[in-house]
Amino acid sequence: MALVAAGLNVEKNALAAAATHIALHSADPGATGANQTSAGRVAAGWPASANGLIVVAGKNFTGGAGNGPVTHVGLWGGATGGTFYGSFPIPTGNGSTNDVQFNAAGEYTLTSFALQGA
């Protein structure tokens, strides 16, 4: 049986409580959190889960490589160090306004990201 929305909300809220920070990765982080960019992690500031998903928007990163690639969002348990909880590809296409690289100054804004899936 698949989880219903109430179960997914519990799952997402528990993960959000542990994964306090998000990072940008220049390639698939795999199981270890590899390929983290030089941009500092930012506090996730997750809202409560509704209908089985959590959406954050407008997260600003600085310190990345000018025009460097951004492919994944990593979920971390701290601003530095901490536990790596997994990653998701940067959502692009289908109306998304997320970029696939830092700007020339090494800045990046994650316009929208949904923590979803079981």
PDB file of N, CA and C in Angstrom:
ATOM      1  N   MET A   1       0.838  -1.175   0.000  1.00  0.00           N
ATOM      2  CA  MET A   1       0.000   0.000   0.000  1.00  0.00           C
ATOM      3  C   MET A   1       0.884   1.240   0.000  1.00  0.00           C
ATOM      4  N   ALA A   2       0.528   2.208  -0.777  1.00  0.00           N
ATOM      5  CA  ALA A   2       1.243   3.484  -0.808  1.00  0.00           C
ATOM      6  C   ALA A   2       0.779   4.367   0.343  1.00  0.00           C
ATOM      7  N   LEU A   3       1.635   5.277   0.762  1.00  0.00           N
ATOM      8  CA  LEU A   3       1.251   6.221   1.796  1.00  0.00           C
ATOM      9  C   LEU A   3       0.214   7.198   1.256  1.00  0.00           C
ATOM     10  N   VAL A   4      -0.743   7.533   2.098  1.00  0.00           N
ATOM     11  CA  VAL A   4      -1.723   8.562   1.752  1.00  0.00           C
ATOM     12  C   VAL A   4      -1.152   9.911   2.197  1.00  0.00           C
ATOM     13  N   ALA A   5      -1.836  10.996   1.878  1.00  0.00           N
ATOM     14  CA  ALA A   5      -1.327  12.340   2.164  1.00  0.00           C
ATOM     15  C   ALA A   5      -0.940  12.521   3.631  1.00  0.00           C
ATOM     16  N   ALA A   6      -1.730  12.001   4.555  1.00  0.00           N
ATOM     17  CA  ALA A   6      -1.417  12.159   5.980  1.00  0.00           C
ATOM     18  C   ALA A   6      -0.087  11.493   6.321  1.00  0.00           C
ATOM     19  N   GLY A   7       0.149  10.310   5.779  1.00  0.00           N
ATOM     20  CA  GLY A   7       1.413   9.614   6.002  1.00  0.00           C
ATOM     21  C   GLY A   7       2.580  10.331   5.352  1.00  0.00           C
ATOM     22  N   LEU A   8       2.367  10.834   4.147  1.00  0.00           N
ATOM     23  CA  LEU A   8       3.413  11.590   3.460  1.00  0.00           C
ATOM     24  C   LEU A   8       3.763  12.866   4.216  1.00  0.00           C
ATOM     25  N   ASN A   9       2.759  13.505   4.816  1.00  0.00           N
ATOM     26  CA  ASN A   9       3.018  14.712   5.597  1.00  0.00           C
ATOM     27  C   ASN A   9       3.930  14.409   6.781  1.00  0.00           C
ATOM     28  N   VAL A  10       3.673  13.298   7.487  1.00  0.00           N
ATOM     29  CA  VAL A  10       4.525  12.900   8.610  1.00  0.00           C
ATOM     30  C   VAL A  10       5.948  12.656   8.118  1.00  0.00           C
ATOM     31  N   GLU A  11       6.061  11.923   7.019  1.00  0.00           N
ATOM     32  CA  GLU A  11       7.366  11.613   6.435  1.00  0.00           C
ATOM     33  C   GLU A  11       8.128  12.892   6.083  1.00  0.00           C
ATOM     34  N   LYS A  12       7.495  13.802   5.380  1.00  0.00           N
ATOM     35  CA  LYS A  12       8.156  15.029   4.935  1.00  0.00           C
ATOM     36  C   LYS A  12       8.513  15.933   6.109  1.00  0.00           C
ATOM     37  N   ASN A  13       7.621  16.051   7.085  1.00  0.00           N
ATOM     38  CA  ASN A  13       7.906  16.901   8.237  1.00  0.00           C
ATOM     39  C   ASN A  13       9.080  16.358   9.046  1.00  0.00           C
ATOM     40  N   ALA A  14       9.193  15.031   9.167  1.00  0.00           N
ATOM     41  CA  ALA A  14      10.318  14.429   9.888  1.00  0.00           C
ATOM     42  C   ALA A  14      11.626  14.693   9.148  1.00  0.00           C
ATOM     43  N   LEU A  15      11.627  14.522   7.838  1.00  0.00           N
ATOM     44  CA  LEU A  15      12.832  14.799   7.057  1.00  0.00           C
ATOM     45  C   LEU A  15      13.189  16.278   7.129  1.00  0.00           C
ATOM     46  N   ALA A  16      12.208  17.144   7.045  1.00  0.00           N
ATOM     47  CA  ALA A  16      12.462  18.583   7.104  1.00  0.00           C
ATOM     48  C   ALA A  16      13.067  18.986   8.449  1.00  0.00           C
ATOM     49  N   ALA A  17      12.670  18.323   9.526  1.00  0.00           N
ATOM     50  CA  ALA A  17      13.224  18.630  10.842  1.00  0.00           C
ATOM     51  C   ALA A  17      14.704  18.263  10.919  1.00  0.00           C
ATOM     52  N   ALA A  18      15.109  17.215  10.210  1.00  0.00           N
ATOM     53  CA  ALA A  18      16.506  16.773  10.229  1.00  0.00           C
ATOM     54  C   ALA A  18      17.354  17.501   9.192  1.00  0.00           C
ATOM     55  N   ALA A  19      16.823  17.685   7.999  1.00  0.00           N
ATOM     56  CA  ALA A  19      17.561  18.314   6.893  1.00  0.00           C
ATOM     57  C   ALA A  19      17.368  19.821   6.965  1.00  0.00           C
ATOM     58  N   THR A  20      18.146  20.452   7.812  1.00  0.00           N
ATOM     59  CA  THR A  20      17.959  21.873   8.098  1.00  0.00           C
ATOM     60  C   THR A  20      18.538  22.801   7.036  1.00  0.00           C
ATOM     61  N   HIS A  21      19.416  22.269   6.176  1.00  0.00           N
ATOM     62  CA  HIS A  21      20.090  23.100   5.171  1.00  0.00           C
ATOM     63  C   HIS A  21      20.053  22.447   3.800  1.00  0.00           C
ATOM     64  N   ILE A  22      20.101  23.285   2.775  1.00  0.00           N
ATOM     65  CA  ILE A  22      20.162  22.776   1.409  1.00  0.00           C
ATOM     66  C   ILE A  22      21.427  23.308   0.742  1.00  0.00           C
ATOM     67  N   ALA A  23      21.958  22.497  -0.160  1.00  0.00           N
ATOM     68  CA  ALA A  23      23.171  22.844  -0.894  1.00  0.00           C
ATOM     69  C   ALA A  23      22.934  22.622  -2.372  1.00  0.00           C
ATOM     70  N   LEU A  24      23.754  23.260  -3.179  1.00  0.00           N
ATOM     71  CA  LEU A  24      23.713  23.047  -4.620  1.00  0.00           C
ATOM     72  C   LEU A  24      24.862  22.129  -5.010  1.00  0.00           C
ATOM     73  N   HIS A  25      24.605  21.252  -5.969  1.00  0.00           N
ATOM     74  CA  HIS A  25      25.614  20.305  -6.447  1.00  0.00           C
ATOM     75  C   HIS A  25      25.777  20.468  -7.953  1.00  0.00           C
ATOM     76  N   SER A  26      27.011  20.289  -8.419  1.00  0.00           N
ATOM     77  CA  SER A  26      27.326  20.478  -9.838  1.00  0.00           C
ATOM     78  C   SER A  26      27.138  19.214 -10.666  1.00  0.00           C
ATOM     79  N   ALA A  27      26.878  18.102 -10.015  1.00  0.00           N
ATOM     80  CA  ALA A  27      26.592  16.818 -10.660  1.00  0.00           C
ATOM     81  C   ALA A  27      25.881  15.964  -9.621  1.00  0.00           C
ATOM     82  N   ASP A  28      25.414  14.814 -10.004  1.00  0.00           N
ATOM     83  CA  ASP A  28      24.687  13.927  -9.094  1.00  0.00           C
ATOM     84  C   ASP A  28      25.529  13.669  -7.844  1.00  0.00           C
ATOM     85  N   PRO A  29      25.004  13.965  -6.641  1.00  0.00           N
ATOM     86  CA  PRO A  29      25.761  13.765  -5.412  1.00  0.00           C
ATOM     87  C   PRO A  29      25.907  12.303  -4.996  1.00  0.00           C
ATOM     88  N   GLY A  30      25.158  11.412  -5.636  1.00  0.00           N
ATOM     89  CA  GLY A  30      25.219  10.008  -5.250  1.00  0.00           C
ATOM     90  C   GLY A  30      24.761   9.813  -3.818  1.00  0.00           C
ATOM     91  N   ALA A  31      25.306   8.803  -3.150  1.00  0.00           N
ATOM     92  CA  ALA A  31      24.895   8.470  -1.788  1.00  0.00           C
ATOM     93  C   ALA A  31      25.698   9.212  -0.726  1.00  0.00           C
ATOM     94  N   THR A  32      26.734   9.962  -1.143  1.00  0.00           N
ATOM     95  CA  THR A  32      27.625  10.589  -0.171  1.00  0.00           C
ATOM     96  C   THR A  32      27.561  12.106  -0.128  1.00  0.00           C
ATOM     97  N   GLY A  33      26.861  12.738  -1.060  1.00  0.00           N
ATOM     98  CA  GLY A  33      26.809  14.195  -1.101  1.00  0.00           C
ATOM     99  C   GLY A  33      27.958  14.806  -1.883  1.00  0.00           C
ATOM    100  N   ALA A  34      28.544  14.035  -2.789  1.00  0.00           N
ATOM    101  CA  ALA A  34      29.664  14.517  -3.605  1.00  0.00           C
ATOM    102  C   ALA A  34      29.223  15.667  -4.507  1.00  0.00           C
ATOM    103  N   ASN A  35      30.185  16.328  -5.075  1.00  0.00           N
ATOM    104  CA  ASN A  35      29.966  17.379  -6.079  1.00  0.00           C
ATOM    105  C   ASN A  35      29.250  18.612  -5.543  1.00  0.00           C
ATOM    106  N   GLN A  36      29.394  18.884  -4.238  1.00  0.00           N
ATOM    107  CA  GLN A  36      28.798  20.104  -3.700  1.00  0.00           C
ATOM    108  C   GLN A  36      29.554  21.300  -4.259  1.00  0.00           C
ATOM    109  N   THR A  37      28.831  22.316  -4.673  1.00  0.00           N
ATOM    110  CA  THR A  37      29.477  23.511  -5.222  1.00  0.00           C
ATOM    111  C   THR A  37      30.134  24.308  -4.098  1.00  0.00           C
ATOM    112  N   SER A  38      30.882  25.325  -4.469  1.00  0.00           N
ATOM    113  CA  SER A  38      31.544  26.172  -3.478  1.00  0.00           C
ATOM    114  C   SER A  38      30.586  27.160  -2.815  1.00  0.00           C
ATOM    115  N   ALA A  39      29.368  27.258  -3.315  1.00  0.00           N
ATOM    116  CA  ALA A  39      28.370  28.129  -2.678  1.00  0.00           C
ATOM    117  C   ALA A  39      28.023  27.575  -1.303  1.00  0.00           C
ATOM    118  N   GLY A  40      27.889  28.443  -0.332  1.00  0.00           N
ATOM    119  CA  GLY A  40      27.533  28.003   1.006  1.00  0.00           C
ATOM    120  C   GLY A  40      26.124  27.427   1.061  1.00  0.00           C
ATOM    121  N   ARG A  41      25.921  26.534   2.004  1.00  0.00           N
ATOM    122  CA  ARG A  41      24.574  25.997   2.228  1.00  0.00           C
ATOM    123  C   ARG A  41      23.690  27.099   2.804  1.00  0.00           C
ATOM    124  N   VAL A  42      22.395  26.967   2.571  1.00  0.00           N
ATOM    125  CA  VAL A  42      21.445  27.924   3.138  1.00  0.00           C
ATOM    126  C   VAL A  42      20.418  27.173   3.978  1.00  0.00           C
ATOM    127  N   ALA A  43      19.898  27.868   4.985  1.00  0.00           N
ATOM    128  CA  ALA A  43      18.854  27.279   5.822  1.00  0.00           C
ATOM    129  C   ALA A  43      17.635  26.988   4.960  1.00  0.00           C
ATOM    130  N   ALA A  44      17.095  25.792   5.118  1.00  0.00           N
ATOM    131  CA  ALA A  44      15.965  25.381   4.285  1.00  0.00           C
ATOM    132  C   ALA A  44      14.698  26.155   4.639  1.00  0.00           C
ATOM    133  N   GLY A  45      14.415  26.311   5.923  1.00  0.00           N
ATOM    134  CA  GLY A  45      13.208  27.023   6.322  1.00  0.00           C
ATOM    135  C   GLY A  45      11.950  26.377   5.783  1.00  0.00           C
ATOM    136  N   TRP A  46      11.870  25.057   5.903  1.00  0.00           N
ATOM    137  CA  TRP A  46      10.737  24.310   5.353  1.00  0.00           C
ATOM    138  C   TRP A  46       9.423  24.733   6.003  1.00  0.00           C
ATOM    139  N   PRO A  47       8.377  24.949   5.237  1.00  0.00           N
ATOM    140  CA  PRO A  47       7.039  25.103   5.821  1.00  0.00           C
ATOM    141  C   PRO A  47       6.493  23.711   6.153  1.00  0.00           C
ATOM    142  N   ALA A  48       5.390  23.637   6.845  1.00  0.00           N
ATOM    143  CA  ALA A  48       4.773  22.344   7.140  1.00  0.00           C
ATOM    144  C   ALA A  48       4.299  21.685   5.848  1.00  0.00           C
ATOM    145  N   SER A  49       4.363  20.367   5.831  1.00  0.00           N
ATOM    146  CA  SER A  49       3.918  19.610   4.661  1.00  0.00           C
ATOM    147  C   SER A  49       2.406  19.679   4.517  1.00  0.00           C
ATOM    148  N   ALA A  50       1.966  19.798   3.277  1.00  0.00           N
ATOM    149  CA  ALA A  50       0.539  19.778   2.962  1.00  0.00           C
ATOM    150  C   ALA A  50       0.340  18.910   1.730  1.00  0.00           C
ATOM    151  N   ASN A  51      -0.603  18.019   1.800  1.00  0.00           N
ATOM    152  CA  ASN A  51      -0.887  17.117   0.681  1.00  0.00           C
ATOM    153  C   ASN A  51       0.326  16.298   0.258  1.00  0.00           C
ATOM    154  N   GLY A  52       1.201  15.993   1.218  1.00  0.00           N
ATOM    155  CA  GLY A  52       2.330  15.120   0.943  1.00  0.00           C
ATOM    156  C   GLY A  52       3.541  15.782   0.335  1.00  0.00           C
ATOM    157  N   LEU A  53       3.585  17.110   0.297  1.00  0.00           N
ATOM    158  CA  LEU A  53       4.792  17.755  -0.211  1.00  0.00           C
ATOM    159  C   LEU A  53       5.058  19.066   0.499  1.00  0.00           C
ATOM    160  N   ILE A  54       6.321  19.485   0.431  1.00  0.00           N
ATOM    161  CA  ILE A  54       6.772  20.743   1.013  1.00  0.00           C
ATOM    162  C   ILE A  54       7.430  21.537  -0.109  1.00  0.00           C
ATOM    163  N   VAL A  55       7.088  22.795  -0.232  1.00  0.00           N
ATOM    164  CA  VAL A  55       7.672  23.631  -1.282  1.00  0.00           C
ATOM    165  C   VAL A  55       8.404  24.806  -0.645  1.00  0.00           C
ATOM    166  N   VAL A  56       9.656  25.018  -1.063  1.00  0.00           N
ATOM    167  CA  VAL A  56      10.398  26.214  -0.667  1.00  0.00           C
ATOM    168  C   VAL A  56      10.686  27.016  -1.929  1.00  0.00           C
ATOM    169  N   ALA A  57      10.845  28.299  -1.758  1.00  0.00           N
ATOM    170  CA  ALA A  57      11.074  29.162  -2.922  1.00  0.00           C
ATOM    171  C   ALA A  57      11.984  30.317  -2.545  1.00  0.00           C
ATOM    172  N   GLY A  58      12.655  30.847  -3.555  1.00  0.00           N
ATOM    173  CA  GLY A  58      13.460  32.046  -3.374  1.00  0.00           C
ATOM    174  C   GLY A  58      14.667  31.875  -2.481  1.00  0.00           C
ATOM    175  N   LYS A  59      15.361  30.746  -2.568  1.00  0.00           N
ATOM    176  CA  LYS A  59      16.572  30.526  -1.775  1.00  0.00           C
ATOM    177  C   LYS A  59      17.774  31.040  -2.561  1.00  0.00           C
ATOM    178  N   ASN A  60      18.512  31.969  -1.957  1.00  0.00           N
ATOM    179  CA  ASN A  60      19.634  32.623  -2.637  1.00  0.00           C
ATOM    180  C   ASN A  60      20.969  32.056  -2.170  1.00  0.00           C
ATOM    181  N   PHE A  61      21.805  31.697  -3.133  1.00  0.00           N
ATOM    182  CA  PHE A  61      23.138  31.159  -2.874  1.00  0.00           C
ATOM    183  C   PHE A  61      24.175  32.111  -3.461  1.00  0.00           C
ATOM    184  N   THR A  62      25.319  32.240  -2.788  1.00  0.00           N
ATOM    185  CA  THR A  62      26.434  33.031  -3.302  1.00  0.00           C
ATOM    186  C   THR A  62      27.715  32.224  -3.141  1.00  0.00           C
ATOM    187  N   GLY A  63      28.758  32.627  -3.855  1.00  0.00           N
ATOM    188  CA  GLY A  63      30.053  31.973  -3.714  1.00  0.00           C
ATOM    189  C   GLY A  63      30.279  30.810  -4.655  1.00  0.00           C
ATOM    190  N   GLY A  64      29.390  30.616  -5.614  1.00  0.00           N
ATOM    191  CA  GLY A  64      29.569  29.555  -6.595  1.00  0.00           C
ATOM    192  C   GLY A  64      30.549  29.972  -7.678  1.00  0.00           C
ATOM    193  N   ALA A  65      30.950  29.023  -8.491  1.00  0.00           N
ATOM    194  CA  ALA A  65      31.828  29.316  -9.629  1.00  0.00           C
ATOM    195  C   ALA A  65      31.033  30.081 -10.681  1.00  0.00           C
ATOM    196  N   GLY A  66      31.570  31.190 -11.148  1.00  0.00           N
ATOM    197  CA  GLY A  66      30.885  31.970 -12.173  1.00  0.00           C
ATOM    198  C   GLY A  66      30.507  31.117 -13.364  1.00  0.00           C
ATOM    199  N   ASN A  67      29.228  31.112 -13.689  1.00  0.00           N
ATOM    200  CA  ASN A  67      28.668  30.332 -14.801  1.00  0.00           C
ATOM    201  C   ASN A  67      28.830  28.823 -14.630  1.00  0.00           C
ATOM    202  N   GLY A  68      29.143  28.376 -13.413  1.00  0.00           N
ATOM    203  CA  GLY A  68      29.298  26.946 -13.146  1.00  0.00           C
ATOM    204  C   GLY A  68      27.960  26.233 -13.122  1.00  0.00           C
ATOM    205  N   PRO A  69      27.965  24.915 -13.380  1.00  0.00           N
ATOM    206  CA  PRO A  69      26.717  24.156 -13.454  1.00  0.00           C
ATOM    207  C   PRO A  69      26.064  23.929 -12.091  1.00  0.00           C
ATOM    208  N   VAL A  70      24.753  23.835 -12.103  1.00  0.00           N
ATOM    209  CA  VAL A  70      23.950  23.475 -10.935  1.00  0.00           C
ATOM    210  C   VAL A  70      22.972  22.407 -11.409  1.00  0.00           C
ATOM    211  N   THR A  71      23.091  21.199 -10.858  1.00  0.00           N
ATOM    212  CA  THR A  71      22.237  20.104 -11.322  1.00  0.00           C
ATOM    213  C   THR A  71      21.337  19.514 -10.248  1.00  0.00           C
ATOM    214  N   HIS A  72      21.746  19.611  -8.971  1.00  0.00           N
ATOM    215  CA  HIS A  72      21.006  18.952  -7.896  1.00  0.00           C
ATOM    216  C   HIS A  72      20.927  19.829  -6.651  1.00  0.00           C
ATOM    217  N   VAL A  73      19.885  19.611  -5.871  1.00  0.00           N
ATOM    218  CA  VAL A  73      19.724  20.188  -4.540  1.00  0.00           C
ATOM    219  C   VAL A  73      20.011  19.075  -3.546  1.00  0.00           C
ATOM    220  N   GLY A  74      20.932  19.323  -2.620  1.00  0.00           N
ATOM    221  CA  GLY A  74      21.253  18.345  -1.587  1.00  0.00           C
ATOM    222  C   GLY A  74      20.636  18.739  -0.261  1.00  0.00           C
ATOM    223  N   LEU A  75      20.207  17.759   0.501  1.00  0.00           N
ATOM    224  CA  LEU A  75      19.593  17.978   1.814  1.00  0.00           C
ATOM    225  C   LEU A  75      20.606  17.598   2.891  1.00  0.00           C
ATOM    226  N   TRP A  76      20.931  18.539   3.766  1.00  0.00           N
ATOM    227  CA  TRP A  76      21.985  18.360   4.760  1.00  0.00           C
ATOM    228  C   TRP A  76      21.496  18.695   6.164  1.00  0.00           C
ATOM    229  N   GLY A  77      22.126  18.098   7.150  1.00  0.00           N
ATOM    230  CA  GLY A  77      21.786  18.320   8.547  1.00  0.00           C
ATOM    231  C   GLY A  77      22.615  19.393   9.217  1.00  0.00           C
ATOM    232  N   GLY A  78      23.153  20.334   8.477  1.00  0.00           N
ATOM    233  CA  GLY A  78      23.913  21.427   9.067  1.00  0.00           C
ATOM    234  C   GLY A  78      24.444  22.377   8.022  1.00  0.00           C
ATOM    235  N   ALA A  79      24.874  23.558   8.487  1.00  0.00           N
ATOM    236  CA  ALA A  79      25.431  24.555   7.582  1.00  0.00           C
ATOM    237  C   ALA A  79      26.773  24.098   7.023  1.00  0.00           C
ATOM    238  N   THR A  80      27.515  23.337   7.808  1.00  0.00           N
ATOM    239  CA  THR A  80      28.749  22.688   7.365  1.00  0.00           C
ATOM    240  C   THR A  80      28.751  21.298   7.977  1.00  0.00           C
ATOM    241  N   GLY A  81      29.434  20.359   7.337  1.00  0.00           N
ATOM    242  CA  GLY A  81      29.427  18.996   7.866  1.00  0.00           C
ATOM    243  C   GLY A  81      28.006  18.470   7.916  1.00  0.00           C
ATOM    244  N   GLY A  82      27.702  17.711   8.944  1.00  0.00           N
ATOM    245  CA  GLY A  82      26.349  17.196   9.101  1.00  0.00           C
ATOM    246  C   GLY A  82      26.068  15.991   8.224  1.00  0.00           C
ATOM    247  N   THR A  83      24.909  15.428   8.403  1.00  0.00           N
ATOM    248  CA  THR A  83      24.482  14.242   7.667  1.00  0.00           C
ATOM    249  C   THR A  83      23.899  14.631   6.324  1.00  0.00           C
ATOM    250  N   PHE A  84      24.267  13.868   5.297  1.00  0.00           N
ATOM    251  CA  PHE A  84      23.680  14.041   3.967  1.00  0.00           C
ATOM    252  C   PHE A  84      22.449  13.150   3.899  1.00  0.00           C
ATOM    253  N   TYR A  85      21.286  13.736   3.608  1.00  0.00           N
ATOM    254  CA  TYR A  85      20.026  12.996   3.591  1.00  0.00           C
ATOM    255  C   TYR A  85      19.534  12.639   2.200  1.00  0.00           C
ATOM    256  N   GLY A  86      20.202  13.115   1.168  1.00  0.00           N
ATOM    257  CA  GLY A  86      19.786  12.790  -0.189  1.00  0.00           C
ATOM    258  C   GLY A  86      19.704  14.031  -1.049  1.00  0.00           C
ATOM    259  N   SER A  87      19.289  13.824  -2.292  1.00  0.00           N
ATOM    260  CA  SER A  87      19.248  14.941  -3.238  1.00  0.00           C
ATOM    261  C   SER A  87      18.140  14.746  -4.250  1.00  0.00           C
ATOM    262  N   PHE A  88      17.859  15.814  -4.940  1.00  0.00           N
ATOM    263  CA  PHE A  88      16.878  15.812  -6.020  1.00  0.00           C
ATOM    264  C   PHE A  88      17.448  16.627  -7.171  1.00  0.00           C
ATOM    265  N   PRO A  89      17.179  16.237  -8.410  1.00  0.00           N
ATOM    266  CA  PRO A  89      17.597  17.075  -9.538  1.00  0.00           C
ATOM    267  C   PRO A  89      16.925  18.447  -9.454  1.00  0.00           C
ATOM    268  N   ILE A  90      17.651  19.471  -9.890  1.00  0.00           N
ATOM    269  CA  ILE A  90      17.065  20.815  -9.958  1.00  0.00           C
ATOM    270  C   ILE A  90      15.880  20.758 -10.913  1.00  0.00           C
ATOM    271  N   PRO A  91      14.705  21.171 -10.461  1.00  0.00           N
ATOM    272  CA  PRO A  91      13.552  21.151 -11.369  1.00  0.00           C
ATOM    273  C   PRO A  91      13.690  22.217 -12.454  1.00  0.00           C
ATOM    274  N   THR A  92      13.634  21.785 -13.701  1.00  0.00           N
ATOM    275  CA  THR A  92      13.684  22.700 -14.843  1.00  0.00           C
ATOM    276  C   THR A  92      12.611  22.268 -15.827  1.00  0.00           C
ATOM    277  N   GLY A  93      12.277  23.132 -16.743  1.00  0.00           N
ATOM    278  CA  GLY A  93      11.248  22.799 -17.729  1.00  0.00           C
ATOM    279  C   GLY A  93       9.863  22.813 -17.114  1.00  0.00           C
ATOM    280  N   ASN A  94       8.873  22.500 -17.897  1.00  0.00           N
ATOM    281  CA  ASN A  94       7.475  22.453 -17.449  1.00  0.00           C
ATOM    282  C   ASN A  94       7.073  23.694 -16.659  1.00  0.00           C
ATOM    283  N   GLY A  95       7.503  24.851 -17.127  1.00  0.00           N
ATOM    284  CA  GLY A  95       7.128  26.097 -16.468  1.00  0.00           C
ATOM    285  C   GLY A  95       8.048  26.522 -15.345  1.00  0.00           C
ATOM    286  N   SER A  96       9.036  25.686 -14.974  1.00  0.00           N
ATOM    287  CA  SER A  96       9.971  26.054 -13.919  1.00  0.00           C
ATOM    288  C   SER A  96      10.836  27.218 -14.385  1.00  0.00           C
ATOM    289  N   THR A  97      11.199  28.089 -13.460  1.00  0.00           N
ATOM    290  CA  THR A  97      12.080  29.203 -13.797  1.00  0.00           C
ATOM    291  C   THR A  97      13.473  29.023 -13.203  1.00  0.00           C
ATOM    292  N   ASN A  98      13.799  27.820 -12.715  1.00  0.00           N
ATOM    293  CA  ASN A  98      15.130  27.569 -12.176  1.00  0.00           C
ATOM    294  C   ASN A  98      16.169  27.575 -13.289  1.00  0.00           C
ATOM    295  N   ASP A  99      17.329  28.138 -12.991  1.00  0.00           N
ATOM    296  CA  ASP A  99      18.451  28.121 -13.918  1.00  0.00           C
ATOM    297  C   ASP A  99      19.222  26.814 -13.762  1.00  0.00           C
ATOM    298  N   VAL A 100      20.129  26.554 -14.699  1.00  0.00           N
ATOM    299  CA  VAL A 100      20.968  25.358 -14.639  1.00  0.00           C
ATOM    300  C   VAL A 100      22.429  25.717 -14.390  1.00  0.00           C
ATOM    301  N   GLN A 101      22.686  26.993 -14.071  1.00  0.00           N
ATOM    302  CA  GLN A 101      24.047  27.396 -13.744  1.00  0.00           C
ATOM    303  C   GLN A 101      24.026  28.668 -12.905  1.00  0.00           C
ATOM    304  N   PHE A 102      25.155  28.906 -12.209  1.00  0.00           N
ATOM    305  CA  PHE A 102      25.340  30.162 -11.492  1.00  0.00           C
ATOM    306  C   PHE A 102      25.454  31.297 -12.504  1.00  0.00           C
ATOM    307  N   ASN A 103      25.173  32.522 -12.077  1.00  0.00           N
ATOM    308  CA  ASN A 103      25.423  33.652 -12.968  1.00  0.00           C
ATOM    309  C   ASN A 103      26.924  33.956 -12.952  1.00  0.00           C
ATOM    310  N   ALA A 104      27.351  34.953 -13.696  1.00  0.00           N
ATOM    311  CA  ALA A 104      28.779  35.269 -13.812  1.00  0.00           C
ATOM    312  C   ALA A 104      29.404  35.644 -12.472  1.00  0.00           C
ATOM    313  N   ALA A 105      28.601  36.182 -11.546  1.00  0.00           N
ATOM    314  CA  ALA A 105      29.095  36.576 -10.226  1.00  0.00           C
ATOM    315  C   ALA A 105      29.068  35.425  -9.222  1.00  0.00           C
ATOM    316  N   GLY A 106      28.667  34.223  -9.643  1.00  0.00           N
ATOM    317  CA  GLY A 106      28.611  33.078  -8.738  1.00  0.00           C
ATOM    318  C   GLY A 106      27.384  33.061  -7.847  1.00  0.00           C
ATOM    319  N   GLU A 107      26.315  33.698  -8.291  1.00  0.00           N
ATOM    320  CA  GLU A 107      25.064  33.749  -7.523  1.00  0.00           C
ATOM    321  C   GLU A 107      24.023  32.845  -8.178  1.00  0.00           C
ATOM    322  N   TYR A 108      23.139  32.321  -7.340  1.00  0.00           N
ATOM    323  CA  TYR A 108      22.090  31.440  -7.857  1.00  0.00           C
ATOM    324  C   TYR A 108      20.865  31.588  -6.968  1.00  0.00           C
ATOM    325  N   THR A 109      19.692  31.660  -7.574  1.00  0.00           N
ATOM    326  CA  THR A 109      18.441  31.662  -6.821  1.00  0.00           C
ATOM    327  C   THR A 109      17.647  30.428  -7.199  1.00  0.00           C
ATOM    328  N   LEU A 110      17.371  29.607  -6.201  1.00  0.00           N
ATOM    329  CA  LEU A 110      16.499  28.454  -6.394  1.00  0.00           C
ATOM    330  C   LEU A 110      15.078  28.991  -6.303  1.00  0.00           C
ATOM    331  N   THR A 111      14.432  29.141  -7.444  1.00  0.00           N
ATOM    332  CA  THR A 111      13.130  29.802  -7.458  1.00  0.00           C
ATOM    333  C   THR A 111      12.047  28.956  -6.827  1.00  0.00           C
ATOM    334  N   SER A 112      12.113  27.640  -6.991  1.00  0.00           N
ATOM    335  CA  SER A 112      11.101  26.765  -6.405  1.00  0.00           C
ATOM    336  C   SER A 112      11.630  25.343  -6.354  1.00  0.00           C
ATOM    337  N   PHE A 113      11.369  24.674  -5.227  1.00  0.00           N
ATOM    338  CA  PHE A 113      11.803  23.299  -5.043  1.00  0.00           C
ATOM    339  C   PHE A 113      10.784  22.596  -4.158  1.00  0.00           C
ATOM    340  N   ALA A 114      10.306  21.443  -4.594  1.00  0.00           N
ATOM    341  CA  ALA A 114       9.327  20.674  -3.821  1.00  0.00           C
ATOM    342  C   ALA A 114       9.978  19.416  -3.279  1.00  0.00           C
ATOM    343  N   LEU A 115       9.902  19.228  -1.977  1.00  0.00           N
ATOM    344  CA  LEU A 115      10.346  18.001  -1.326  1.00  0.00           C
ATOM    345  C   LEU A 115       9.172  17.043  -1.409  1.00  0.00           C
ATOM    346  N   GLN A 116       9.269  16.082  -2.302  1.00  0.00           N
ATOM    347  CA  GLN A 116       8.148  15.177  -2.534  1.00  0.00           C
ATOM    348  C   GLN A 116       8.650  13.774  -2.808  1.00  0.00           C
ATOM    349  N   GLY A 117       7.738  12.858  -2.979  1.00  0.00           N
ATOM    350  CA  GLY A 117       8.100  11.466  -3.247  1.00  0.00           C
ATOM    351  C   GLY A 117       8.295  10.703  -1.959  1.00  0.00           C
ATOM    352  N   ALA A 118       8.144   9.394  -2.046  1.00  0.00           N
ATOM    353  CA  ALA A 118       8.282   8.556  -0.854  1.00  0.00           C
ATOM    354  C   ALA A 118       9.603   7.859  -0.859  1.00  0.00           C
TER     355      ALA A 118
END
